[in-house]
């Protein structure tokens, strides 16, 4: 665009020089050409100086092969028309390496094989969230270029995962030490990325693929632990039930003891007579006291 602007301005200058040598009406026509080309040249020149940086991007200015230190934030800027602006994304991005096809940046199996302290090979699926430091984008472009993932992230992530896994067994990596492993990798990547102008946000260990024999052994152990917990629960429940029955039996024994202590022959005789009277009142029995005995004669009920 700068060349077009210069060409238009040259045409305007030539028209201005020639109109003084030519008479009317050519001079009038050249005057129109002069002002039109001059206006167009100025517009094109201003347009070549203006640059708009989209949201989430940062502009690196390169002038005659030299990278300028000042980084352009998002928005409208006016720069040297001979400068070139390279845009770098400063939004949060993620880089995924996975054994599942079409899930990460690279096709096919891109999981990271690591060797644990017990000599087993374990495959890891990981995702790293990061973004570029906007103030250091000029240095990033000068030292690395635009392919930050291919030049820095990929190799650094693989190295950090392998170094961290070397101090753990396969079982620890799969179960008890997994969170500690992620924290160790996060700390290592944070330091390594910071030196390059990259800000590390989060590391996700998405999957740990163990050898088949180790997976079976772990699953068997988990199943055995669950069975043991279930058995402990059953024993605890039985113990509580036995305790409940003991307390209930003690309560019944105490109640019977209290009742037996409160009963006298007179009270027993009185309750017996009351019960016989209740039965006789229903028309089923006639009670005739005879010498202390109580014969009972069955009488058919009235229809």
Foldseek 3Di string as FASTA:
>chain_A
DLVLLVVLQVLLVVLVVVLVVDDPPSSVVSPVSNVVSNVVSVVVQQVLQKDFAAAQKKKWKAAPNRTDLDIHHGGIDGHDSRIDIDIAGFDKDKAKQAQDAPPGPDGHHRWAWAAAQVGFTKTWIKMWIKGFQNSCVSVLCVPPNRPCCVRPVPVLLNVLLRVLRHHHDLVCCVPVCVVVSQVSSQVSVCVVVVVNRMHTDGMDGPDMGGPPVVVVVVVVVVVVVVVVVVVVVVVVVVVVVVVVVVVVVVVVVVVVVVVVVPDDPVVVVVVVVVVVVVVVVQVQWDWDDDPNDTDTDGDDDDD
